[in-house]
Amino acid sequence: MQQTKPNLDHIMVTIDHPFGTIETPLNEWIAIGPGPRRLLRPMAACDAETGIALPLSVIPFRYRNTFLSRLLIRLRLLPRPWPTT
């Protein structure tokens, strides 16, 4: 069975923010990122049309904002996804 990649336009991500949980479209997260709270990261993903949970692997690695992705960005092994503030 062939597995298709989810359409990034139809993915919502859940961000655990100090002021509460935020759901935002993945495309918006990719465009804006964590802003001044640089350690925020997506904790969950789902299909916006069906509500079906998706693995975090649907988020491109450099936009996951994990310890490892930030390290690889600092080492210049991954391109910087957002401008530094």
PDB file of N, CA and C in Angstrom:
ATOM      1  N   MET A   1       0.836  -1.177   0.000  1.00  0.00           N
ATOM      2  CA  MET A   1       0.000   0.000   0.000  1.00  0.00           C
ATOM      3  C   MET A   1       0.883   1.243   0.000  1.00  0.00           C
ATOM      4  N   GLN A   2       0.606   2.148  -0.917  1.00  0.00           N
ATOM      5  CA  GLN A   2       1.390   3.374  -1.028  1.00  0.00           C
ATOM      6  C   GLN A   2       0.846   4.411  -0.056  1.00  0.00           C
ATOM      7  N   GLN A   3       1.756   5.011   0.698  1.00  0.00           N
ATOM      8  CA  GLN A   3       1.371   6.027   1.657  1.00  0.00           C
ATOM      9  C   GLN A   3       1.623   7.393   1.047  1.00  0.00           C
ATOM     10  N   THR A   4       0.624   8.273   1.115  1.00  0.00           N
ATOM     11  CA  THR A   4       0.788   9.609   0.553  1.00  0.00           C
ATOM     12  C   THR A   4       1.144  10.582   1.666  1.00  0.00           C
ATOM     13  N   LYS A   5       1.885  11.615   1.294  1.00  0.00           N
ATOM     14  CA  LYS A   5       2.244  12.657   2.255  1.00  0.00           C
ATOM     15  C   LYS A   5       1.015  13.526   2.503  1.00  0.00           C
ATOM     16  N   PRO A   6       0.786  13.905   3.760  1.00  0.00           N
ATOM     17  CA  PRO A   6      -0.331  14.813   4.033  1.00  0.00           C
ATOM     18  C   PRO A   6      -0.075  16.181   3.412  1.00  0.00           C
ATOM     19  N   ASN A   7      -1.133  16.833   3.014  1.00  0.00           N
ATOM     20  CA  ASN A   7      -1.051  18.178   2.455  1.00  0.00           C
ATOM     21  C   ASN A   7      -0.800  19.152   3.611  1.00  0.00           C
ATOM     22  N   LEU A   8       0.285  19.906   3.568  1.00  0.00           N
ATOM     23  CA  LEU A   8       0.631  20.836   4.646  1.00  0.00           C
ATOM     24  C   LEU A   8      -0.467  21.867   4.890  1.00  0.00           C
ATOM     25  N   ASP A   9      -1.279  22.148   3.868  1.00  0.00           N
ATOM     26  CA  ASP A   9      -2.370  23.105   4.024  1.00  0.00           C
ATOM     27  C   ASP A   9      -3.474  22.573   4.934  1.00  0.00           C
ATOM     28  N   HIS A  10      -3.499  21.262   5.171  1.00  0.00           N
ATOM     29  CA  HIS A  10      -4.575  20.643   5.935  1.00  0.00           C
ATOM     30  C   HIS A  10      -4.096  20.076   7.265  1.00  0.00           C
ATOM     31  N   ILE A  11      -2.990  20.588   7.776  1.00  0.00           N
ATOM     32  CA  ILE A  11      -2.455  20.087   9.049  1.00  0.00           C
ATOM     33  C   ILE A  11      -2.525  21.190  10.095  1.00  0.00           C
ATOM     34  N   MET A  12      -3.046  20.826  11.251  1.00  0.00           N
ATOM     35  CA  MET A  12      -3.067  21.723  12.413  1.00  0.00           C
ATOM     36  C   MET A  12      -2.050  21.200  13.412  1.00  0.00           C
ATOM     37  N   VAL A  13      -1.338  22.104  14.067  1.00  0.00           N
ATOM     38  CA  VAL A  13      -0.399  21.703  15.111  1.00  0.00           C
ATOM     39  C   VAL A  13      -0.860  22.281  16.444  1.00  0.00           C
ATOM     40  N   THR A  14      -0.551  21.551  17.500  1.00  0.00           N
ATOM     41  CA  THR A  14      -0.874  21.980  18.851  1.00  0.00           C
ATOM     42  C   THR A  14       0.417  22.400  19.531  1.00  0.00           C
ATOM     43  N   ILE A  15       0.419  23.614  20.057  1.00  0.00           N
ATOM     44  CA  ILE A  15       1.571  24.173  20.734  1.00  0.00           C
ATOM     45  C   ILE A  15       1.206  24.310  22.212  1.00  0.00           C
ATOM     46  N   ASP A  16       2.045  23.779  23.089  1.00  0.00           N
ATOM     47  CA  ASP A  16       1.823  23.928  24.524  1.00  0.00           C
ATOM     48  C   ASP A  16       2.505  25.221  24.963  1.00  0.00           C
ATOM     49  N   HIS A  17       1.715  26.261  25.153  1.00  0.00           N
ATOM     50  CA  HIS A  17       2.197  27.599  25.484  1.00  0.00           C
ATOM     51  C   HIS A  17       2.010  27.840  26.982  1.00  0.00           C
ATOM     52  N   PRO A  18       2.867  28.638  27.621  1.00  0.00           N
ATOM     53  CA  PRO A  18       2.698  28.912  29.050  1.00  0.00           C
ATOM     54  C   PRO A  18       1.309  29.469  29.419  1.00  0.00           C
ATOM     55  N   PHE A  19       0.635  30.115  28.488  1.00  0.00           N
ATOM     56  CA  PHE A  19      -0.683  30.681  28.757  1.00  0.00           C
ATOM     57  C   PHE A  19      -1.816  29.770  28.302  1.00  0.00           C
ATOM     58  N   GLY A  20      -1.494  28.565  27.830  1.00  0.00           N
ATOM     59  CA  GLY A  20      -2.516  27.619  27.397  1.00  0.00           C
ATOM     60  C   GLY A  20      -2.116  26.927  26.109  1.00  0.00           C
ATOM     61  N   THR A  21      -2.959  26.027  25.691  1.00  0.00           N
ATOM     62  CA  THR A  21      -2.703  25.269  24.463  1.00  0.00           C
ATOM     63  C   THR A  21      -3.193  26.072  23.263  1.00  0.00           C
ATOM     64  N   ILE A  22      -2.370  26.126  22.220  1.00  0.00           N
ATOM     65  CA  ILE A  22      -2.695  26.866  21.010  1.00  0.00           C
ATOM     66  C   ILE A  22      -2.756  25.883  19.849  1.00  0.00           C
ATOM     67  N   GLU A  23      -3.792  25.988  19.040  1.00  0.00           N
ATOM     68  CA  GLU A  23      -3.844  25.230  17.792  1.00  0.00           C
ATOM     69  C   GLU A  23      -3.703  26.218  16.653  1.00  0.00           C
ATOM     70  N   THR A  24      -2.810  25.882  15.736  1.00  0.00           N
ATOM     71  CA  THR A  24      -2.544  26.782  14.615  1.00  0.00           C
ATOM     72  C   THR A  24      -2.270  25.944  13.370  1.00  0.00           C
ATOM     73  N   PRO A  25      -2.582  26.467  12.193  1.00  0.00           N
ATOM     74  CA  PRO A  25      -2.242  25.739  10.975  1.00  0.00           C
ATOM     75  C   PRO A  25      -0.723  25.571  10.860  1.00  0.00           C
ATOM     76  N   LEU A  26      -0.299  24.435  10.354  1.00  0.00           N
ATOM     77  CA  LEU A  26       1.132  24.175  10.191  1.00  0.00           C
ATOM     78  C   LEU A  26       1.771  25.246   9.319  1.00  0.00           C
ATOM     79  N   ASN A  27       1.105  25.675   8.264  1.00  0.00           N
ATOM     80  CA  ASN A  27       1.684  26.706   7.393  1.00  0.00           C
ATOM     81  C   ASN A  27       1.958  27.996   8.159  1.00  0.00           C
ATOM     82  N   GLU A  28       1.104  28.325   9.127  1.00  0.00           N
ATOM     83  CA  GLU A  28       1.330  29.525   9.940  1.00  0.00           C
ATOM     84  C   GLU A  28       2.534  29.311  10.861  1.00  0.00           C
ATOM     85  N   TRP A  29       2.641  28.131  11.463  1.00  0.00           N
ATOM     86  CA  TRP A  29       3.798  27.823  12.310  1.00  0.00           C
ATOM     87  C   TRP A  29       5.085  27.913  11.494  1.00  0.00           C
ATOM     88  N   ILE A  30       5.066  27.379  10.274  1.00  0.00           N
ATOM     89  CA  ILE A  30       6.249  27.425   9.415  1.00  0.00           C
ATOM     90  C   ILE A  30       6.613  28.876   9.091  1.00  0.00           C
ATOM     91  N   ALA A  31       5.615  29.712   8.851  1.00  0.00           N
ATOM     92  CA  ALA A  31       5.873  31.110   8.486  1.00  0.00           C
ATOM     93  C   ALA A  31       6.339  31.950   9.670  1.00  0.00           C
ATOM     94  N   ILE A  32       5.770  31.721  10.854  1.00  0.00           N
ATOM     95  CA  ILE A  32       6.029  32.600  11.999  1.00  0.00           C
ATOM     96  C   ILE A  32       6.969  31.980  13.016  1.00  0.00           C
ATOM     97  N   GLY A  33       6.800  30.698  13.299  1.00  0.00           N
ATOM     98  CA  GLY A  33       7.628  30.025  14.288  1.00  0.00           C
ATOM     99  C   GLY A  33       7.258  30.403  15.701  1.00  0.00           C
ATOM    100  N   PRO A  34       8.165  30.178  16.644  1.00  0.00           N
ATOM    101  CA  PRO A  34       7.856  30.399  18.055  1.00  0.00           C
ATOM    102  C   PRO A  34       7.914  31.850  18.509  1.00  0.00           C
ATOM    103  N   GLY A  35       8.398  32.738  17.651  1.00  0.00           N
ATOM    104  CA  GLY A  35       8.488  34.144  18.044  1.00  0.00           C
ATOM    105  C   GLY A  35       9.486  34.329  19.186  1.00  0.00           C
ATOM    106  N   PRO A  36       9.187  35.230  20.123  1.00  0.00           N
ATOM    107  CA  PRO A  36      10.142  35.500  21.199  1.00  0.00           C
ATOM    108  C   PRO A  36      10.274  34.346  22.199  1.00  0.00           C
ATOM    109  N   ARG A  37       9.310  33.442  22.244  1.00  0.00           N
ATOM    110  CA  ARG A  37       9.401  32.273  23.129  1.00  0.00           C
ATOM    111  C   ARG A  37      10.044  31.151  22.327  1.00  0.00           C
ATOM    112  N   ARG A  38      11.336  31.234  22.168  1.00  0.00           N
ATOM    113  CA  ARG A  38      12.052  30.392  21.206  1.00  0.00           C
ATOM    114  C   ARG A  38      12.035  28.899  21.500  1.00  0.00           C
ATOM    115  N   LEU A  39      11.619  28.480  22.699  1.00  0.00           N
ATOM    116  CA  LEU A  39      11.596  27.054  23.009  1.00  0.00           C
ATOM    117  C   LEU A  39      10.238  26.406  22.772  1.00  0.00           C
ATOM    118  N   LEU A  40       9.236  27.175  22.335  1.00  0.00           N
ATOM    119  CA  LEU A  40       7.944  26.575  22.015  1.00  0.00           C
ATOM    120  C   LEU A  40       8.112  25.623  20.842  1.00  0.00           C
ATOM    121  N   ARG A  41       7.349  24.531  20.878  1.00  0.00           N
ATOM    122  CA  ARG A  41       7.427  23.582  19.767  1.00  0.00           C
ATOM    123  C   ARG A  41       6.105  22.847  19.635  1.00  0.00           C
ATOM    124  N   PRO A  42       5.825  22.348  18.447  1.00  0.00           N
ATOM    125  CA  PRO A  42       4.610  21.566  18.260  1.00  0.00           C
ATOM    126  C   PRO A  42       4.642  20.290  19.108  1.00  0.00           C
ATOM    127  N   MET A  43       3.533  20.018  19.773  1.00  0.00           N
ATOM    128  CA  MET A  43       3.422  18.832  20.624  1.00  0.00           C
ATOM    129  C   MET A  43       2.543  17.758  19.977  1.00  0.00           C
ATOM    130  N   ALA A  44       1.706  18.165  19.018  1.00  0.00           N
ATOM    131  CA  ALA A  44       0.803  17.231  18.353  1.00  0.00           C
ATOM    132  C   ALA A  44       0.434  17.809  16.996  1.00  0.00           C
ATOM    133  N   ALA A  45      -0.017  16.933  16.115  1.00  0.00           N
ATOM    134  CA  ALA A  45      -0.470  17.344  14.787  1.00  0.00           C
ATOM    135  C   ALA A  45      -1.712  16.538  14.434  1.00  0.00           C
ATOM    136  N   CYS A  46      -2.588  17.155  13.652  1.00  0.00           N
ATOM    137  CA  CYS A  46      -3.775  16.427  13.203  1.00  0.00           C
ATOM    138  C   CYS A  46      -4.204  16.955  11.843  1.00  0.00           C
ATOM    139  N   ASP A  47      -4.997  16.145  11.161  1.00  0.00           N
ATOM    140  CA  ASP A  47      -5.575  16.537   9.882  1.00  0.00           C
ATOM    141  C   ASP A  47      -6.707  17.511  10.189  1.00  0.00           C
ATOM    142  N   ALA A  48      -6.654  18.709   9.649  1.00  0.00           N
ATOM    143  CA  ALA A  48      -7.644  19.744   9.952  1.00  0.00           C
ATOM    144  C   ALA A  48      -9.030  19.376   9.440  1.00  0.00           C
ATOM    145  N   GLU A  49      -9.113  18.570   8.393  1.00  0.00           N
ATOM    146  CA  GLU A  49     -10.411  18.227   7.825  1.00  0.00           C
ATOM    147  C   GLU A  49     -11.084  17.083   8.573  1.00  0.00           C
ATOM    148  N   THR A  50     -10.294  16.087   8.995  1.00  0.00           N
ATOM    149  CA  THR A  50     -10.875  14.898   9.619  1.00  0.00           C
ATOM    150  C   THR A  50     -10.675  14.848  11.123  1.00  0.00           C
ATOM    151  N   GLY A  51      -9.705  15.609  11.629  1.00  0.00           N
ATOM    152  CA  GLY A  51      -9.394  15.567  13.055  1.00  0.00           C
ATOM    153  C   GLY A  51      -8.542  14.375  13.453  1.00  0.00           C
ATOM    154  N   ILE A  52      -8.125  13.567  12.486  1.00  0.00           N
ATOM    155  CA  ILE A  52      -7.312  12.387  12.765  1.00  0.00           C
ATOM    156  C   ILE A  52      -5.907  12.820  13.181  1.00  0.00           C
ATOM    157  N   ALA A  53      -5.431  12.252  14.301  1.00  0.00           N
ATOM    158  CA  ALA A  53      -4.085  12.553  14.785  1.00  0.00           C
ATOM    159  C   ALA A  53      -3.043  12.082  13.777  1.00  0.00           C
ATOM    160  N   LEU A  54      -2.011  12.890  13.615  1.00  0.00           N
ATOM    161  CA  LEU A  54      -0.909  12.577  12.704  1.00  0.00           C
ATOM    162  C   LEU A  54       0.384  12.531  13.507  1.00  0.00           C
ATOM    163  N   PRO A  55       1.363  11.775  13.033  1.00  0.00           N
ATOM    164  CA  PRO A  55       2.661  11.770  13.728  1.00  0.00           C
ATOM    165  C   PRO A  55       3.365  13.109  13.539  1.00  0.00           C
ATOM    166  N   LEU A  56       4.213  13.464  14.495  1.00  0.00           N
ATOM    167  CA  LEU A  56       4.964  14.718  14.369  1.00  0.00           C
ATOM    168  C   LEU A  56       5.890  14.715  13.171  1.00  0.00           C
ATOM    169  N   SER A  57       6.149  13.555  12.614  1.00  0.00           N
ATOM    170  CA  SER A  57       7.022  13.475  11.436  1.00  0.00           C
ATOM    171  C   SER A  57       6.415  14.164  10.215  1.00  0.00           C
ATOM    172  N   VAL A  58       5.125  14.533  10.259  1.00  0.00           N
ATOM    173  CA  VAL A  58       4.548  15.284   9.131  1.00  0.00           C
ATOM    174  C   VAL A  58       5.070  16.720   9.124  1.00  0.00           C
ATOM    175  N   ILE A  59       5.620  17.171  10.250  1.00  0.00           N
ATOM    176  CA  ILE A  59       6.200  18.512  10.335  1.00  0.00           C
ATOM    177  C   ILE A  59       7.644  18.417   9.854  1.00  0.00           C
ATOM    178  N   PRO A  60       8.029  19.195   8.855  1.00  0.00           N
ATOM    179  CA  PRO A  60       9.421  19.157   8.407  1.00  0.00           C
ATOM    180  C   PRO A  60      10.365  19.340   9.600  1.00  0.00           C
ATOM    181  N   PHE A  61      11.434  18.572   9.630  1.00  0.00           N
ATOM    182  CA  PHE A  61      12.309  18.486  10.797  1.00  0.00           C
ATOM    183  C   PHE A  61      12.790  19.838  11.301  1.00  0.00           C
ATOM    184  N   ARG A  62      13.188  20.720  10.412  1.00  0.00           N
ATOM    185  CA  ARG A  62      13.749  21.994  10.868  1.00  0.00           C
ATOM    186  C   ARG A  62      12.700  22.892  11.524  1.00  0.00           C
ATOM    187  N   TYR A  63      11.401  22.580  11.345  1.00  0.00           N
ATOM    188  CA  TYR A  63      10.326  23.373  11.950  1.00  0.00           C
ATOM    189  C   TYR A  63       9.777  22.740  13.224  1.00  0.00           C
ATOM    190  N   ARG A  64      10.335  21.635  13.664  1.00  0.00           N
ATOM    191  CA  ARG A  64       9.841  20.981  14.887  1.00  0.00           C
ATOM    192  C   ARG A  64      10.334  21.683  16.139  1.00  0.00           C
ATOM    193  N   ASN A  65      11.403  22.440  16.039  1.00  0.00           N
ATOM    194  CA  ASN A  65      11.959  23.237  17.134  1.00  0.00           C
ATOM    195  C   ASN A  65      12.302  22.387  18.356  1.00  0.00           C
ATOM    196  N   THR A  66      12.807  21.211  18.120  1.00  0.00           N
ATOM    197  CA  THR A  66      13.251  20.336  19.206  1.00  0.00           C
ATOM    198  C   THR A  66      14.706  20.658  19.536  1.00  0.00           C
ATOM    199  N   PHE A  67      15.186  20.081  20.635  1.00  0.00           N
ATOM    200  CA  PHE A  67      16.589  20.278  20.996  1.00  0.00           C
ATOM    201  C   PHE A  67      17.488  19.864  19.831  1.00  0.00           C
ATOM    202  N   LEU A  68      17.215  18.700  19.230  1.00  0.00           N
ATOM    203  CA  LEU A  68      18.063  18.200  18.148  1.00  0.00           C
ATOM    204  C   LEU A  68      17.986  19.089  16.907  1.00  0.00           C
ATOM    205  N   SER A  69      16.791  19.508  16.524  1.00  0.00           N
ATOM    206  CA  SER A  69      16.704  20.363  15.331  1.00  0.00           C
ATOM    207  C   SER A  69      17.402  21.702  15.559  1.00  0.00           C
ATOM    208  N   ARG A  70      17.249  22.277  16.780  1.00  0.00           N
ATOM    209  CA  ARG A  70      17.955  23.542  17.065  1.00  0.00           C
ATOM    210  C   ARG A  70      19.466  23.355  17.050  1.00  0.00           C
ATOM    211  N   LEU A  71      19.947  22.219  17.564  1.00  0.00           N
ATOM    212  CA  LEU A  71      21.380  21.931  17.546  1.00  0.00           C
ATOM    213  C   LEU A  71      21.898  21.831  16.114  1.00  0.00           C
ATOM    214  N   LEU A  72      21.187  21.094  15.279  1.00  0.00           N
ATOM    215  CA  LEU A  72      21.621  20.939  13.884  1.00  0.00           C
ATOM    216  C   LEU A  72      21.590  22.269  13.134  1.00  0.00           C
ATOM    217  N   ILE A  73      20.663  23.131  13.498  1.00  0.00           N
ATOM    218  CA  ILE A  73      20.610  24.462  12.889  1.00  0.00           C
ATOM    219  C   ILE A  73      21.818  25.289  13.343  1.00  0.00           C
ATOM    220  N   ARG A  74      22.128  25.240  14.649  1.00  0.00           N
ATOM    221  CA  ARG A  74      23.298  25.977  15.153  1.00  0.00           C
ATOM    222  C   ARG A  74      24.590  25.473  14.516  1.00  0.00           C
ATOM    223  N   LEU A  75      24.654  24.174  14.243  1.00  0.00           N
ATOM    224  CA  LEU A  75      25.842  23.599  13.602  1.00  0.00           C
ATOM    225  C   LEU A  75      25.839  23.815  12.081  1.00  0.00           C
ATOM    226  N   ARG A  76      24.805  24.470  11.596  1.00  0.00           N
ATOM    227  CA  ARG A  76      24.627  24.775  10.168  1.00  0.00           C
ATOM    228  C   ARG A  76      24.487  23.523   9.309  1.00  0.00           C
ATOM    229  N   LEU A  77      23.946  22.470   9.904  1.00  0.00           N
ATOM    230  CA  LEU A  77      23.651  21.253   9.161  1.00  0.00           C
ATOM    231  C   LEU A  77      22.231  21.286   8.611  1.00  0.00           C
ATOM    232  N   LEU A  78      21.428  22.175   9.182  1.00  0.00           N
ATOM    233  CA  LEU A  78      20.075  22.455   8.691  1.00  0.00           C
ATOM    234  C   LEU A  78      19.967  23.956   8.480  1.00  0.00           C
ATOM    235  N   PRO A  79      19.215  24.378   7.466  1.00  0.00           N
ATOM    236  CA  PRO A  79      19.033  25.821   7.279  1.00  0.00           C
ATOM    237  C   PRO A  79      18.161  26.412   8.383  1.00  0.00           C
ATOM    238  N   ARG A  80      18.445  27.641   8.758  1.00  0.00           N
ATOM    239  CA  ARG A  80      17.689  28.345   9.789  1.00  0.00           C
ATOM    240  C   ARG A  80      16.271  28.596   9.250  1.00  0.00           C
ATOM    241  N   PRO A  81      15.236  28.131   9.980  1.00  0.00           N
ATOM    242  CA  PRO A  81      13.881  28.283   9.469  1.00  0.00           C
ATOM    243  C   PRO A  81      13.285  29.676   9.681  1.00  0.00           C
ATOM    244  N   TRP A  82      13.730  30.371  10.734  1.00  0.00           N
ATOM    245  CA  TRP A  82      13.170  31.691  11.043  1.00  0.00           C
ATOM    246  C   TRP A  82      14.316  32.657  11.327  1.00  0.00           C
ATOM    247  N   PRO A  83      14.088  33.938  11.130  1.00  0.00           N
ATOM    248  CA  PRO A  83      15.146  34.908  11.451  1.00  0.00           C
ATOM    249  C   PRO A  83      15.380  34.934  12.955  1.00  0.00           C
ATOM    250  N   THR A  84      16.594  35.224  13.339  1.00  0.00           N
ATOM    251  CA  THR A  84      16.906  35.331  14.764  1.00  0.00           C
ATOM    252  C   THR A  84      16.363  36.658  15.280  1.00  0.00           C
ATOM    253  N   THR A  85      15.962  36.653  16.547  1.00  0.00           N
ATOM    254  CA  THR A  85      15.399  37.876  17.116  1.00  0.00           C
ATOM    255  C   THR A  85      16.351  38.475  18.110  1.00  0.00           C
TER     256      THR A  85
END
